[in-house]
Amino acid sequence: MELTKRVGMNIRAIRKSQNLTIDELAEKCDFQSPYLSDVERGERNITLQTLNKILNALQVEPGHVLIPERKSNENEDNIREELLQILFNTLEDKDENDIRMLLNISNEIFWRLKNN
């Protein structure tokens, strides 16, 4: 999943969790609702300034739109699957050498953690 879609989906999830309509959030950000709707669908490549306005309106930190926080009622398998999907999406556009390098690095880290 591309970053704009992931960020947009997470913005929508946060907005809904705060029981805000798209019109209410748009008003807080001083945006038009159709624009914000495009952002939530990942159809707009937003600037950092725009993202900052949205984050301020939602009162959340930037990490909340990149990796959503774990909800208390979610089970461990769902969290694990979500994290694996995020990892897969991150690696999707990398070439074979980059993936092998990451695999070697992660194996080294896990080996060192196990043996210390």
N, C-alpha and C. Protein backbone atom coordinates (compact mmCIF):
# COMPACT_ATOMS: atom_id res chain seq x y z
N MET A 1 0.86 -1.18 0.00
CA MET A 1 0.00 0.00 0.00
C MET A 1 0.90 1.23 0.00
N GLU A 2 0.55 2.17 -0.85
CA GLU A 2 1.37 3.38 -0.91
C GLU A 2 1.12 4.26 0.30
N LEU A 3 2.08 5.09 0.59
CA LEU A 3 2.05 5.92 1.79
C LEU A 3 0.84 6.84 1.84
N THR A 4 0.48 7.46 0.71
CA THR A 4 -0.66 8.38 0.74
C THR A 4 -1.96 7.66 1.11
N LYS A 5 -2.13 6.44 0.65
CA LYS A 5 -3.34 5.68 1.00
C LYS A 5 -3.31 5.27 2.46
N ARG A 6 -2.15 4.82 2.94
CA ARG A 6 -2.02 4.42 4.34
C ARG A 6 -2.30 5.59 5.28
N VAL A 7 -1.70 6.73 4.98
CA VAL A 7 -1.91 7.92 5.81
C VAL A 7 -3.39 8.33 5.76
N GLY A 8 -3.97 8.33 4.59
CA GLY A 8 -5.38 8.70 4.46
C GLY A 8 -6.30 7.76 5.23
N MET A 9 -6.05 6.47 5.13
CA MET A 9 -6.87 5.49 5.87
C MET A 9 -6.75 5.71 7.36
N ASN A 10 -5.55 5.99 7.83
CA ASN A 10 -5.33 6.20 9.26
C ASN A 10 -5.95 7.50 9.74
N ILE A 11 -5.91 8.54 8.90
CA ILE A 11 -6.57 9.79 9.26
C ILE A 11 -8.07 9.53 9.42
N ARG A 12 -8.65 8.81 8.47
CA ARG A 12 -10.08 8.51 8.54
C ARG A 12 -10.41 7.72 9.81
N ALA A 13 -9.57 6.71 10.12
CA ALA A 13 -9.82 5.88 11.30
C ALA A 13 -9.76 6.72 12.58
N ILE A 14 -8.77 7.62 12.66
CA ILE A 14 -8.64 8.48 13.84
C ILE A 14 -9.84 9.42 13.92
N ARG A 15 -10.22 10.01 12.79
CA ARG A 15 -11.37 10.92 12.77
C ARG A 15 -12.63 10.21 13.26
N LYS A 16 -12.85 9.01 12.75
CA LYS A 16 -14.05 8.27 13.15
C LYS A 16 -13.99 7.86 14.62
N SER A 17 -12.80 7.51 15.09
CA SER A 17 -12.67 7.12 16.51
C SER A 17 -12.97 8.30 17.43
N GLN A 18 -12.80 9.52 16.91
CA GLN A 18 -13.11 10.72 17.69
C GLN A 18 -14.53 11.22 17.43
N ASN A 19 -15.31 10.41 16.71
CA ASN A 19 -16.70 10.75 16.38
C ASN A 19 -16.83 12.09 15.68
N LEU A 20 -15.88 12.38 14.80
CA LEU A 20 -15.93 13.61 14.00
C LEU A 20 -16.43 13.27 12.60
N THR A 21 -17.29 14.12 12.06
CA THR A 21 -17.66 13.97 10.66
C THR A 21 -16.55 14.57 9.81
N ILE A 22 -16.57 14.24 8.55
CA ILE A 22 -15.56 14.81 7.66
C ILE A 22 -15.74 16.33 7.58
N ASP A 23 -16.99 16.79 7.65
CA ASP A 23 -17.24 18.24 7.63
C ASP A 23 -16.66 18.93 8.87
N GLU A 24 -16.80 18.28 10.02
CA GLU A 24 -16.26 18.87 11.26
C GLU A 24 -14.74 18.96 11.22
N LEU A 25 -14.09 17.88 10.75
CA LEU A 25 -12.63 17.92 10.66
C LEU A 25 -12.18 18.93 9.62
N ALA A 26 -12.86 18.98 8.51
CA ALA A 26 -12.51 19.95 7.46
C ALA A 26 -12.59 21.37 8.00
N GLU A 27 -13.62 21.64 8.77
CA GLU A 27 -13.77 22.98 9.35
C GLU A 27 -12.63 23.30 10.32
N LYS A 28 -12.27 22.31 11.14
CA LYS A 28 -11.16 22.53 12.09
C LYS A 28 -9.84 22.81 11.35
N CYS A 29 -9.67 22.21 10.18
CA CYS A 29 -8.44 22.38 9.41
C CYS A 29 -8.49 23.55 8.44
N ASP A 30 -9.69 24.14 8.29
CA ASP A 30 -9.92 25.19 7.31
C ASP A 30 -9.74 24.67 5.89
N PHE A 31 -10.25 23.44 5.64
CA PHE A 31 -10.25 22.82 4.32
C PHE A 31 -11.69 22.66 3.85
N GLN A 32 -11.84 22.39 2.58
CA GLN A 32 -13.13 21.98 2.04
C GLN A 32 -13.31 20.48 2.26
N SER A 33 -14.52 20.05 2.53
CA SER A 33 -14.78 18.62 2.78
C SER A 33 -14.36 17.71 1.63
N PRO A 34 -14.63 18.08 0.36
CA PRO A 34 -14.19 17.20 -0.74
C PRO A 34 -12.67 17.01 -0.78
N TYR A 35 -11.93 18.07 -0.44
CA TYR A 35 -10.47 17.97 -0.40
C TYR A 35 -10.05 16.96 0.66
N LEU A 36 -10.63 17.09 1.86
CA LEU A 36 -10.28 16.18 2.95
C LEU A 36 -10.70 14.75 2.61
N SER A 37 -11.81 14.60 1.94
CA SER A 37 -12.26 13.28 1.51
C SER A 37 -11.23 12.65 0.56
N ASP A 38 -10.70 13.46 -0.36
CA ASP A 38 -9.64 12.97 -1.26
C ASP A 38 -8.40 12.55 -0.48
N VAL A 39 -8.06 13.32 0.55
CA VAL A 39 -6.91 12.99 1.40
C VAL A 39 -7.14 11.64 2.07
N GLU A 40 -8.33 11.44 2.63
CA GLU A 40 -8.62 10.19 3.34
C GLU A 40 -8.63 8.99 2.40
N ARG A 41 -8.95 9.20 1.14
CA ARG A 41 -8.94 8.10 0.17
C ARG A 41 -7.55 7.90 -0.44
N GLY A 42 -6.59 8.75 -0.05
CA GLY A 42 -5.23 8.63 -0.59
C GLY A 42 -5.12 9.14 -2.01
N GLU A 43 -6.04 10.00 -2.43
CA GLU A 43 -6.04 10.53 -3.78
C GLU A 43 -5.36 11.89 -3.89
N ARG A 44 -4.90 12.40 -2.76
CA ARG A 44 -4.17 13.67 -2.73
C ARG A 44 -2.80 13.44 -2.13
N ASN A 45 -1.79 13.97 -2.76
CA ASN A 45 -0.44 13.93 -2.22
C ASN A 45 -0.25 15.22 -1.42
N ILE A 46 -0.42 15.12 -0.11
CA ILE A 46 -0.46 16.33 0.73
C ILE A 46 0.94 16.76 1.15
N THR A 47 1.04 18.04 1.49
CA THR A 47 2.30 18.58 2.00
C THR A 47 2.40 18.28 3.49
N LEU A 48 3.59 18.49 4.03
CA LEU A 48 3.77 18.34 5.46
C LEU A 48 2.98 19.39 6.22
N GLN A 49 2.82 20.56 5.65
CA GLN A 49 2.01 21.62 6.28
C GLN A 49 0.56 21.16 6.41
N THR A 50 0.03 20.57 5.35
CA THR A 50 -1.34 20.08 5.37
C THR A 50 -1.48 18.97 6.39
N LEU A 51 -0.54 18.05 6.40
CA LEU A 51 -0.57 16.95 7.37
C LEU A 51 -0.53 17.51 8.78
N ASN A 52 0.30 18.52 9.01
CA ASN A 52 0.41 19.13 10.33
C ASN A 52 -0.91 19.75 10.77
N LYS A 53 -1.62 20.40 9.86
CA LYS A 53 -2.92 20.97 10.19
C LYS A 53 -3.90 19.87 10.62
N ILE A 54 -3.88 18.77 9.89
CA ILE A 54 -4.79 17.66 10.21
C ILE A 54 -4.42 17.04 11.55
N LEU A 55 -3.13 16.84 11.78
CA LEU A 55 -2.67 16.26 13.06
C LEU A 55 -3.04 17.17 14.22
N ASN A 56 -2.88 18.46 14.05
CA ASN A 56 -3.25 19.41 15.12
C ASN A 56 -4.75 19.37 15.38
N ALA A 57 -5.54 19.32 14.32
CA ALA A 57 -6.99 19.28 14.48
C ALA A 57 -7.43 18.00 15.20
N LEU A 58 -6.74 16.90 14.90
CA LEU A 58 -7.07 15.62 15.54
C LEU A 58 -6.38 15.46 16.89
N GLN A 59 -5.43 16.33 17.17
CA GLN A 59 -4.64 16.29 18.40
C GLN A 59 -3.92 14.95 18.56
N VAL A 60 -3.20 14.56 17.50
CA VAL A 60 -2.41 13.33 17.52
C VAL A 60 -1.00 13.60 17.02
N GLU A 61 -0.09 12.71 17.36
CA GLU A 61 1.30 12.80 16.91
C GLU A 61 1.43 12.20 15.51
N PRO A 62 2.47 12.57 14.76
CA PRO A 62 2.65 12.05 13.40
C PRO A 62 2.67 10.53 13.30
N GLY A 63 3.23 9.86 14.28
CA GLY A 63 3.30 8.40 14.23
C GLY A 63 1.94 7.74 14.17
N HIS A 64 0.92 8.42 14.66
CA HIS A 64 -0.42 7.84 14.67
C HIS A 64 -0.99 7.63 13.27
N VAL A 65 -0.52 8.40 12.30
CA VAL A 65 -1.04 8.22 10.95
C VAL A 65 -0.17 7.28 10.12
N LEU A 66 1.02 6.95 10.62
CA LEU A 66 1.88 6.00 9.91
C LEU A 66 1.69 4.58 10.41
N ILE A 67 1.68 4.40 11.70
CA ILE A 67 1.42 3.09 12.29
C ILE A 67 0.36 3.29 13.35
N PRO A 68 -0.86 2.83 13.09
CA PRO A 68 -1.93 3.06 14.06
C PRO A 68 -1.65 2.39 15.39
N GLU A 69 -2.12 3.03 16.45
CA GLU A 69 -1.95 2.45 17.77
C GLU A 69 -2.80 1.21 17.93
N ARG A 70 -2.37 0.36 18.76
CA ARG A 70 -3.08 -0.87 19.06
C ARG A 70 -4.31 -0.56 19.90
N LYS A 71 -5.44 -1.09 19.49
CA LYS A 71 -6.66 -0.91 20.25
C LYS A 71 -6.75 -2.01 21.29
N SER A 72 -7.26 -1.68 22.46
CA SER A 72 -7.27 -2.63 23.56
C SER A 72 -8.10 -3.87 23.29
N ASN A 73 -9.11 -3.79 22.41
CA ASN A 73 -9.94 -4.96 22.17
C ASN A 73 -9.47 -5.81 21.00
N GLU A 74 -8.41 -5.40 20.35
CA GLU A 74 -7.88 -6.22 19.26
C GLU A 74 -7.04 -7.36 19.84
N ASN A 75 -7.13 -8.52 19.18
CA ASN A 75 -6.32 -9.62 19.68
C ASN A 75 -4.93 -9.60 19.06
N GLU A 76 -4.04 -10.36 19.65
CA GLU A 76 -2.63 -10.35 19.24
C GLU A 76 -2.43 -10.77 17.78
N ASP A 77 -3.24 -11.72 17.28
CA ASP A 77 -3.08 -12.16 15.90
C ASP A 77 -3.37 -11.03 14.92
N ASN A 78 -4.40 -10.22 15.20
CA ASN A 78 -4.71 -9.10 14.32
C ASN A 78 -3.58 -8.08 14.31
N ILE A 79 -3.02 -7.82 15.47
CA ILE A 79 -1.90 -6.87 15.56
C ILE A 79 -0.72 -7.40 14.77
N ARG A 80 -0.42 -8.66 14.96
CA ARG A 80 0.71 -9.28 14.27
C ARG A 80 0.50 -9.22 12.75
N GLU A 81 -0.70 -9.54 12.30
CA GLU A 81 -0.99 -9.51 10.87
C GLU A 81 -0.88 -8.09 10.30
N GLU A 82 -1.36 -7.11 11.07
CA GLU A 82 -1.28 -5.73 10.63
C GLU A 82 0.17 -5.28 10.51
N LEU A 83 0.99 -5.63 11.50
CA LEU A 83 2.41 -5.25 11.46
C LEU A 83 3.13 -5.95 10.32
N LEU A 84 2.82 -7.22 10.09
CA LEU A 84 3.42 -7.94 8.96
C LEU A 84 3.03 -7.31 7.63
N GLN A 85 1.78 -6.88 7.53
CA GLN A 85 1.32 -6.24 6.30
C GLN A 85 2.04 -4.92 6.08
N ILE A 86 2.23 -4.16 7.14
CA ILE A 86 2.96 -2.89 7.03
C ILE A 86 4.40 -3.16 6.59
N LEU A 87 5.02 -4.17 7.18
CA LEU A 87 6.39 -4.54 6.79
C LEU A 87 6.44 -4.96 5.32
N PHE A 88 5.49 -5.79 4.91
CA PHE A 88 5.44 -6.23 3.52
C PHE A 88 5.26 -5.03 2.59
N ASN A 89 4.36 -4.13 2.92
CA ASN A 89 4.12 -2.96 2.08
C ASN A 89 5.37 -2.09 1.97
N THR A 90 6.13 -2.02 3.06
CA THR A 90 7.36 -1.23 3.05
C THR A 90 8.40 -1.84 2.11
N LEU A 91 8.42 -3.17 2.04
CA LEU A 91 9.42 -3.87 1.23
C LEU A 91 8.99 -4.08 -0.22
N GLU A 92 7.74 -3.83 -0.50
CA GLU A 92 7.16 -4.17 -1.80
C GLU A 92 7.92 -3.58 -2.98
N ASP A 93 8.41 -2.36 -2.87
CA ASP A 93 9.07 -1.73 -4.01
C ASP A 93 10.60 -1.84 -3.96
N LYS A 94 11.11 -2.62 -3.01
CA LYS A 94 12.56 -2.78 -2.88
C LYS A 94 13.04 -3.90 -3.79
N ASP A 95 14.29 -3.80 -4.23
CA ASP A 95 14.82 -4.87 -5.08
C ASP A 95 15.33 -6.03 -4.22
N GLU A 96 15.68 -7.10 -4.88
CA GLU A 96 16.08 -8.33 -4.18
C GLU A 96 17.29 -8.11 -3.27
N ASN A 97 18.26 -7.33 -3.71
CA ASN A 97 19.45 -7.10 -2.90
C ASN A 97 19.12 -6.36 -1.60
N ASP A 98 18.24 -5.37 -1.68
CA ASP A 98 17.83 -4.64 -0.47
C ASP A 98 17.10 -5.56 0.50
N ILE A 99 16.25 -6.41 -0.03
CA ILE A 99 15.50 -7.34 0.83
C ILE A 99 16.44 -8.34 1.49
N ARG A 100 17.40 -8.86 0.72
CA ARG A 100 18.38 -9.79 1.30
C ARG A 100 19.21 -9.11 2.39
N MET A 101 19.61 -7.86 2.12
CA MET A 101 20.39 -7.12 3.11
C MET A 101 19.58 -6.95 4.40
N LEU A 102 18.32 -6.56 4.28
CA LEU A 102 17.47 -6.40 5.46
C LEU A 102 17.29 -7.72 6.20
N LEU A 103 17.12 -8.79 5.46
CA LEU A 103 16.99 -10.11 6.08
C LEU A 103 18.26 -10.47 6.85
N ASN A 104 19.42 -10.24 6.26
CA ASN A 104 20.68 -10.52 6.95
C ASN A 104 20.85 -9.67 8.21
N ILE A 105 20.52 -8.41 8.10
CA ILE A 105 20.63 -7.52 9.26
C ILE A 105 19.69 -7.97 10.37
N SER A 106 18.44 -8.25 10.02
CA SER A 106 17.48 -8.67 11.05
C SER A 106 17.88 -10.00 11.67
N ASN A 107 18.39 -10.93 10.88
CA ASN A 107 18.86 -12.20 11.45
C ASN A 107 20.01 -11.98 12.43
N GLU A 108 20.92 -11.09 12.08
CA GLU A 108 22.05 -10.77 12.97
C GLU A 108 21.55 -10.15 14.27
N ILE A 109 20.60 -9.23 14.17
CA ILE A 109 20.05 -8.58 15.37
C ILE A 109 19.37 -9.62 16.26
N PHE A 110 18.53 -10.46 15.69
CA PHE A 110 17.83 -11.48 16.49
C PHE A 110 18.81 -12.48 17.10
N TRP A 111 19.86 -12.83 16.36
CA TRP A 111 20.86 -13.76 16.89
C TRP A 111 21.58 -13.14 18.10
N ARG A 112 21.95 -11.85 17.95
CA ARG A 112 22.63 -11.17 19.05
C ARG A 112 21.74 -11.02 20.28
N LEU A 113 20.47 -10.71 20.08
CA LEU A 113 19.54 -10.60 21.19
C LEU A 113 19.38 -11.95 21.91
N LYS A 114 19.34 -12.99 21.16
CA LYS A 114 19.16 -14.34 21.72
C LYS A 114 20.40 -14.76 22.52
N ASN A 115 21.56 -14.36 22.07
CA ASN A 115 22.81 -14.82 22.67
C ASN A 115 23.41 -13.84 23.67
N ASN A 116 22.68 -12.83 24.05
CA ASN A 116 23.20 -11.89 25.05
C ASN A 116 22.45 -12.00 26.33
